[in-house]
Amino acid sequence: MMSASPTLQIRAGDALRQSPIPALRKLSVEESDSVVIILGSVNSYYLKQLAQETIMPVLDGRQLLNRVSVVRG
């Protein structure tokens, strides 16, 4: 039976997709038992950090692994 509340992965992905910054809306999120992983690439370390800060409020105590790559150019 499915839960009435969205999964953490969906909530974190929604937080990124609702960002006013287009680069953050392209990132993806994966979830395991105790870790949430942000994946994708952005063009600055500031955006990498901003992606992390965007999903922090929905982590529910889980560890965050930021695997966003910074690609210049």
C-alpha atoms as a PDB file:
ATOM      1  CA  MET A   1       0.000   0.000   0.000  1.00  0.00           C
ATOM      2  CA  MET A   2       1.314   3.438  -0.891  1.00  0.00           C
ATOM      3  CA  SER A   3       1.776   6.109   1.712  1.00  0.00           C
ATOM      4  CA  ALA A   4      -0.442   9.186   1.526  1.00  0.00           C
ATOM      5  CA  SER A   5       2.597  11.442   1.847  1.00  0.00           C
ATOM      6  CA  PRO A   6       5.124  11.755  -0.971  1.00  0.00           C
ATOM      7  CA  THR A   7       8.472  10.032  -0.572  1.00  0.00           C
ATOM      8  CA  LEU A   8      11.523  11.970   0.458  1.00  0.00           C
ATOM      9  CA  GLN A   9      12.979  11.552  -3.038  1.00  0.00           C
ATOM     10  CA  ILE A  10       9.865  13.129  -4.575  1.00  0.00           C
ATOM     11  CA  ARG A  11       9.795  15.991  -2.059  1.00  0.00           C
ATOM     12  CA  ALA A  12      13.489  16.749  -2.607  1.00  0.00           C
ATOM     13  CA  GLY A  13      13.074  16.592  -6.388  1.00  0.00           C
ATOM     14  CA  ASP A  14      10.044  18.878  -6.175  1.00  0.00           C
ATOM     15  CA  ALA A  15      12.037  21.394  -4.128  1.00  0.00           C
ATOM     16  CA  LEU A  16      14.667  21.541  -6.875  1.00  0.00           C
ATOM     17  CA  ARG A  17      12.104  21.716  -9.692  1.00  0.00           C
ATOM     18  CA  GLN A  18      10.370  24.642  -7.989  1.00  0.00           C
ATOM     19  CA  SER A  19      13.608  26.632  -7.831  1.00  0.00           C
ATOM     20  CA  PRO A  20      13.688  29.906  -9.755  1.00  0.00           C
ATOM     21  CA  ILE A  21      17.160  28.875 -10.981  1.00  0.00           C
ATOM     22  CA  PRO A  22      16.952  26.781 -14.180  1.00  0.00           C
ATOM     23  CA  ALA A  23      20.196  24.862 -13.482  1.00  0.00           C
ATOM     24  CA  LEU A  24      18.777  23.482 -10.216  1.00  0.00           C
ATOM     25  CA  ARG A  25      15.604  22.276 -11.925  1.00  0.00           C
ATOM     26  CA  LYS A  26      17.736  19.916 -14.065  1.00  0.00           C
ATOM     27  CA  LEU A  27      19.298  18.078 -11.112  1.00  0.00           C
ATOM     28  CA  SER A  28      18.051  14.704  -9.924  1.00  0.00           C
ATOM     29  CA  VAL A  29      17.704  13.071  -6.538  1.00  0.00           C
ATOM     30  CA  GLU A  30      18.159   9.463  -5.438  1.00  0.00           C
ATOM     31  CA  GLU A  31      17.318   7.991  -2.052  1.00  0.00           C
ATOM     32  CA  SER A  32      18.556   5.007  -0.070  1.00  0.00           C
ATOM     33  CA  ASP A  33      17.779   3.913   3.475  1.00  0.00           C
ATOM     34  CA  SER A  34      19.713   6.693   5.168  1.00  0.00           C
ATOM     35  CA  VAL A  35      21.178   8.848   2.394  1.00  0.00           C
ATOM     36  CA  VAL A  36      19.778  11.335  -0.098  1.00  0.00           C
ATOM     37  CA  ILE A  37      21.979  11.930  -3.158  1.00  0.00           C
ATOM     38  CA  ILE A  38      21.847  14.972  -5.465  1.00  0.00           C
ATOM     39  CA  LEU A  39      23.130  14.244  -8.980  1.00  0.00           C
ATOM     40  CA  GLY A  40      23.789  16.330 -12.081  1.00  0.00           C
ATOM     41  CA  SER A  41      25.981  19.228 -13.061  1.00  0.00           C
ATOM     42  CA  VAL A  42      26.030  22.996 -12.667  1.00  0.00           C
ATOM     43  CA  ASN A  43      28.483  25.699 -13.755  1.00  0.00           C
ATOM     44  CA  SER A  44      29.532  27.044 -10.333  1.00  0.00           C
ATOM     45  CA  TYR A  45      30.264  25.923  -6.801  1.00  0.00           C
ATOM     46  CA  TYR A  46      27.689  28.447  -5.627  1.00  0.00           C
ATOM     47  CA  LEU A  47      24.942  26.589  -7.517  1.00  0.00           C
ATOM     48  CA  LYS A  48      26.178  23.266  -6.130  1.00  0.00           C
ATOM     49  CA  GLN A  49      25.845  24.644  -2.604  1.00  0.00           C
ATOM     50  CA  LEU A  50      22.490  26.238  -3.402  1.00  0.00           C
ATOM     51  CA  ALA A  51      21.147  22.872  -4.589  1.00  0.00           C
ATOM     52  CA  GLN A  52      22.144  21.366  -1.267  1.00  0.00           C
ATOM     53  CA  GLU A  53      20.539  24.176   0.716  1.00  0.00           C
ATOM     54  CA  THR A  54      17.357  23.857  -1.350  1.00  0.00           C
ATOM     55  CA  ILE A  55      16.665  20.292  -0.266  1.00  0.00           C
ATOM     56  CA  MET A  56      17.982  20.472   3.310  1.00  0.00           C
ATOM     57  CA  PRO A  57      14.527  21.308   4.748  1.00  0.00           C
ATOM     58  CA  VAL A  58      13.005  18.051   3.451  1.00  0.00           C
ATOM     59  CA  LEU A  59      15.750  15.613   4.539  1.00  0.00           C
ATOM     60  CA  ASP A  60      13.964  14.338   7.666  1.00  0.00           C
ATOM     61  CA  GLY A  61      17.252  13.636   9.420  1.00  0.00           C
ATOM     62  CA  ARG A  62      18.816  11.732   6.545  1.00  0.00           C
ATOM     63  CA  GLN A  63      22.394  12.296   5.452  1.00  0.00           C
ATOM     64  CA  LEU A  64      22.926  14.300   2.262  1.00  0.00           C
ATOM     65  CA  LEU A  65      25.497  13.327  -0.349  1.00  0.00           C
ATOM     66  CA  ASN A  66      26.055  16.106  -2.877  1.00  0.00           C
ATOM     67  CA  ARG A  67      27.378  14.494  -6.069  1.00  0.00           C
ATOM     68  CA  VAL A  68      26.705  17.511  -8.255  1.00  0.00           C
ATOM     69  CA  SER A  69      29.610  18.178 -10.622  1.00  0.00           C
ATOM     70  CA  VAL A  70      30.831  21.678 -11.359  1.00  0.00           C
ATOM     71  CA  VAL A  71      31.493  21.982 -15.079  1.00  0.00           C
ATOM     72  CA  ARG A  72      32.836  25.267 -16.387  1.00  0.00           C
ATOM     73  CA  GLY A  73      32.064  26.431 -19.879  1.00  0.00           C
END
